[in-house]
Amino acid sequence: MSHSVEIDSKTAWSGGQSPFRMSYGKIFMWFFLVSDALTFSGLLCAYGFIRHKYVSVWPVAENVFTHFPGVTAHIPLAYVGLMTFILIMSSVTMVLAVEAGHRNDRKGVTLWMFFTIIGGLMFVGSQAWEWYHFIEGTEAGAMRQVWDIDQGKYVTQLIHGANMTYNEYGVPQFANFFFFITGFHGFHVFSGVVINCVIFINVLLGTYERRGHYEMIEKVGLYWHFVDLVWVFVFTFFYLL
């Protein structure tokens, strides 16, 4: 026996209800993150394609990134490992900030957002330090072929460091992808730090306490966790493989 259900067309098409029972702010944040994930996926796929093409001459990351502040010995990937740890810990503090927001704990949100901002600033500063040493290169340098504009041909020169034209460590494409992928991610982290600072100021001003909820913390938390997750993929594909 079938039962027919009458549906009021006016009610059905009136709107006013959010899909998935989520706020529109969260939904659009997810839309942005999905589109951004596709962008990073495209960059990493392009990196993998070029690396496969020049696999015989592609630099090994653990032989390139060996510097560590205050240490003269070369320690492969130690500093980038520290950077990764800092960013992951900032994701932990963001989780604690979101949890405090669910409890409407203003002091807790303030404390953990502060540590999240500090972690982001430390990561950005560490990335700038890593870029500096990559660009500066080693004292010994390496003999590489460089295009001479005056002669109109490639000539062999002693090269120190790397830029978008030449690379002491190997093929120029390695430096190009390094600057673009890590720079693009660093821009995301810096943007996240700026957003977190704005949110932090609003927390201090009591903006979200007056609203009665801290949903904005959860929204920026989604972005921050995404940035951390992307770095895990960048670290794996660019430094470890």
Foldseek 3Di string as FASTA:
>chain_A
DDDDDDDDPCVVPVDPADPPNDDPLQVVLVVVLVVVVVVLVVLLVVVVVVCVVVVVFDFAQQVQQQDDPPDPDGHGCPLVVVLLVLLVVLLVLLVQLQVCQVVVNLVSVLVSLVSSLVSLVVSLVSVVVSQVDQQQADPQFAWDWFQDPVVRGTDTDGDGHADCGDGSRTRSVLVVSVCVSVVVLNVLSVVLSVVSVVLSVCSVVCVVVVVVGDVVSVSSSVSSVSSSVSVVVCCCSSNPD
